[in-house]
Protein backbone atom coordinates (compact mmCIF):
# COMPACT_ATOMS: atom_id res chain seq x y z
CA UNK A 1 0.00 0.00 0.00
CA UNK A 2 1.28 3.44 -0.86
CA UNK A 3 0.48 6.38 1.37
CA UNK A 4 1.53 9.87 2.40
CA UNK A 5 2.59 10.40 6.01
CA UNK A 6 3.33 13.29 8.34
CA UNK A 7 3.88 13.44 12.13
CA UNK A 8 2.87 16.18 14.54
CA UNK A 9 3.68 16.68 18.21
CA UNK A 10 0.35 18.03 19.37
CA UNK A 11 -1.47 18.96 22.55
CA UNK A 12 -5.05 18.15 23.51
CA UNK A 13 -7.67 20.21 21.59
CA UNK A 14 -5.24 21.36 18.88
CA UNK A 15 -6.50 20.63 15.37
CA UNK A 16 -4.84 18.82 12.50
CA UNK A 17 -6.26 19.98 9.18
CA UNK A 18 -5.68 17.98 6.00
CA UNK A 19 -6.53 19.27 2.52
CA UNK A 20 -6.97 16.51 -0.07
CA UNK A 21 -7.66 16.87 -3.78
CA UNK A 22 -9.51 13.55 -4.32
CA UNK A 23 -11.67 11.29 -2.17
CA UNK A 24 -9.45 8.97 -0.12
CA UNK A 25 -8.87 7.54 3.35
CA UNK A 26 -7.30 9.83 5.94
CA UNK A 27 -6.21 8.20 9.19
CA UNK A 28 -4.92 9.72 12.42
CA UNK A 29 -2.93 7.35 14.65
CA UNK A 30 -0.26 6.92 17.31
CA UNK A 31 3.30 5.79 16.60
CA UNK A 32 2.67 2.18 17.61
CA UNK A 33 -0.40 2.00 15.38
CA UNK A 34 1.60 3.47 12.48
CA UNK A 35 4.23 0.77 12.93
CA UNK A 36 1.54 -1.93 12.85
CA UNK A 37 -0.08 -0.24 9.80
CA UNK A 38 3.23 -0.27 7.91
CA UNK A 39 3.65 -3.98 8.66
CA UNK A 40 0.12 -4.76 7.47
CA UNK A 41 -1.07 -5.74 10.95
CA UNK A 42 -4.21 -4.80 12.85
CA UNK A 43 -4.08 -1.17 13.98
CA UNK A 44 -6.32 1.47 15.48
CA UNK A 45 -6.96 4.92 14.06
CA UNK A 46 -9.35 7.83 13.93
CA UNK A 47 -10.76 8.91 10.59
CA UNK A 48 -11.70 6.90 7.53
CA UNK A 49 -12.77 7.72 3.98
CA UNK A 50 -13.39 11.39 3.22
CA UNK A 51 -14.87 12.82 0.05
CA UNK A 52 -14.63 16.51 0.92
CA UNK A 53 -11.79 18.70 2.03
CA UNK A 54 -10.62 19.97 4.49
CA UNK A 55 -10.55 17.10 6.96
CA UNK A 56 -10.22 18.27 10.56
CA UNK A 57 -9.22 16.18 13.57
CA UNK A 58 -9.36 17.56 17.11
CA UNK A 59 -6.56 15.97 19.16
CA UNK A 60 -8.03 13.93 22.07
CA UNK A 61 -4.80 13.81 24.14
CA UNK A 62 -1.20 15.09 24.10
CA UNK A 63 1.30 13.10 22.06
CA UNK A 64 2.85 12.49 18.69
CA UNK A 65 0.12 12.04 16.08
CA UNK A 66 0.63 10.60 12.62
CA UNK A 67 -1.47 11.51 9.61
CA UNK A 68 -1.73 8.84 6.90
CA UNK A 69 -3.33 9.66 3.54
CA UNK A 70 -3.81 6.50 1.52
CA UNK A 71 -3.03 6.52 -2.20
CA UNK A 72 -5.72 4.02 -3.18
CA UNK A 73 -5.22 0.27 -2.95
CA UNK A 74 -2.36 -1.94 -4.06
CA UNK A 75 -4.30 -3.12 -7.11
CA UNK A 76 -5.71 0.29 -8.06
CA UNK A 77 -3.49 3.15 -6.86
CA UNK A 78 -4.55 6.79 -7.25
CA UNK A 79 -2.61 10.03 -7.35
CA UNK A 80 -3.31 12.09 -4.23
CA UNK A 81 -2.01 15.48 -3.15
CA UNK A 82 -2.41 16.42 0.51
CA UNK A 83 -1.36 19.32 2.72
CA UNK A 84 -1.36 18.94 6.51
CA UNK A 85 -1.11 21.67 9.11
CA UNK A 86 -1.48 22.02 12.86
CA UNK A 87 -3.96 24.66 14.05
CA UNK A 88 -4.49 26.23 17.46
CA UNK A 89 -7.46 25.07 19.56
CA UNK A 90 -10.81 26.50 18.50
CA UNK A 91 -14.06 25.67 20.30
CA UNK A 92 -16.06 26.41 17.14
CA UNK A 93 -14.41 23.59 15.12
CA UNK A 94 -15.55 19.97 15.32
CA UNK A 95 -13.79 16.92 13.96
CA UNK A 96 -14.78 15.85 10.46
CA UNK A 97 -16.70 12.58 10.26
CA UNK A 98 -15.73 9.94 7.70
CA UNK A 99 -18.32 8.73 5.19
CA UNK A 100 -17.57 5.15 6.26
CA UNK A 101 -17.99 5.92 9.98
CA UNK A 102 -20.54 3.81 11.88
CA UNK A 103 -24.11 5.09 11.74
CA UNK A 104 -24.19 6.09 15.42
CA UNK A 105 -21.10 8.27 14.94
CA UNK A 106 -22.59 10.03 11.90
CA UNK A 107 -25.88 10.62 13.77
CA UNK A 108 -24.01 12.13 16.71
CA UNK A 109 -22.17 14.54 14.40
CA UNK A 110 -25.41 15.60 12.72
CA UNK A 111 -26.75 16.51 16.16
CA UNK A 112 -23.74 18.79 16.69
CA UNK A 113 -24.42 20.52 13.36
CA UNK A 114 -28.00 21.29 14.39
CA UNK A 115 -26.91 23.16 17.53
């Protein structure tokens, strides 16, 4: 699998913003999960498949966070351009929700939009 990767040392409530030019999977993970991901093993991450840009992720706890932007699959790769940046905390910004997120997660985010 080919992918783009960038690491950030971030504090709780800071925001990682990722601009993508095509629909793809964007994953936010710890260092140990990135190592497992690279080895093709089971890993945990936040995020999923996003069709719109920008993708925003509010950091849940202090640490080193890795952003992985997948470049399609092994059998059908795609060309992806992505720009990542770390933003200061902002109470008005919520995390983006992936299109492949479980239904209960998408419903919860729609409730936040209505407020």
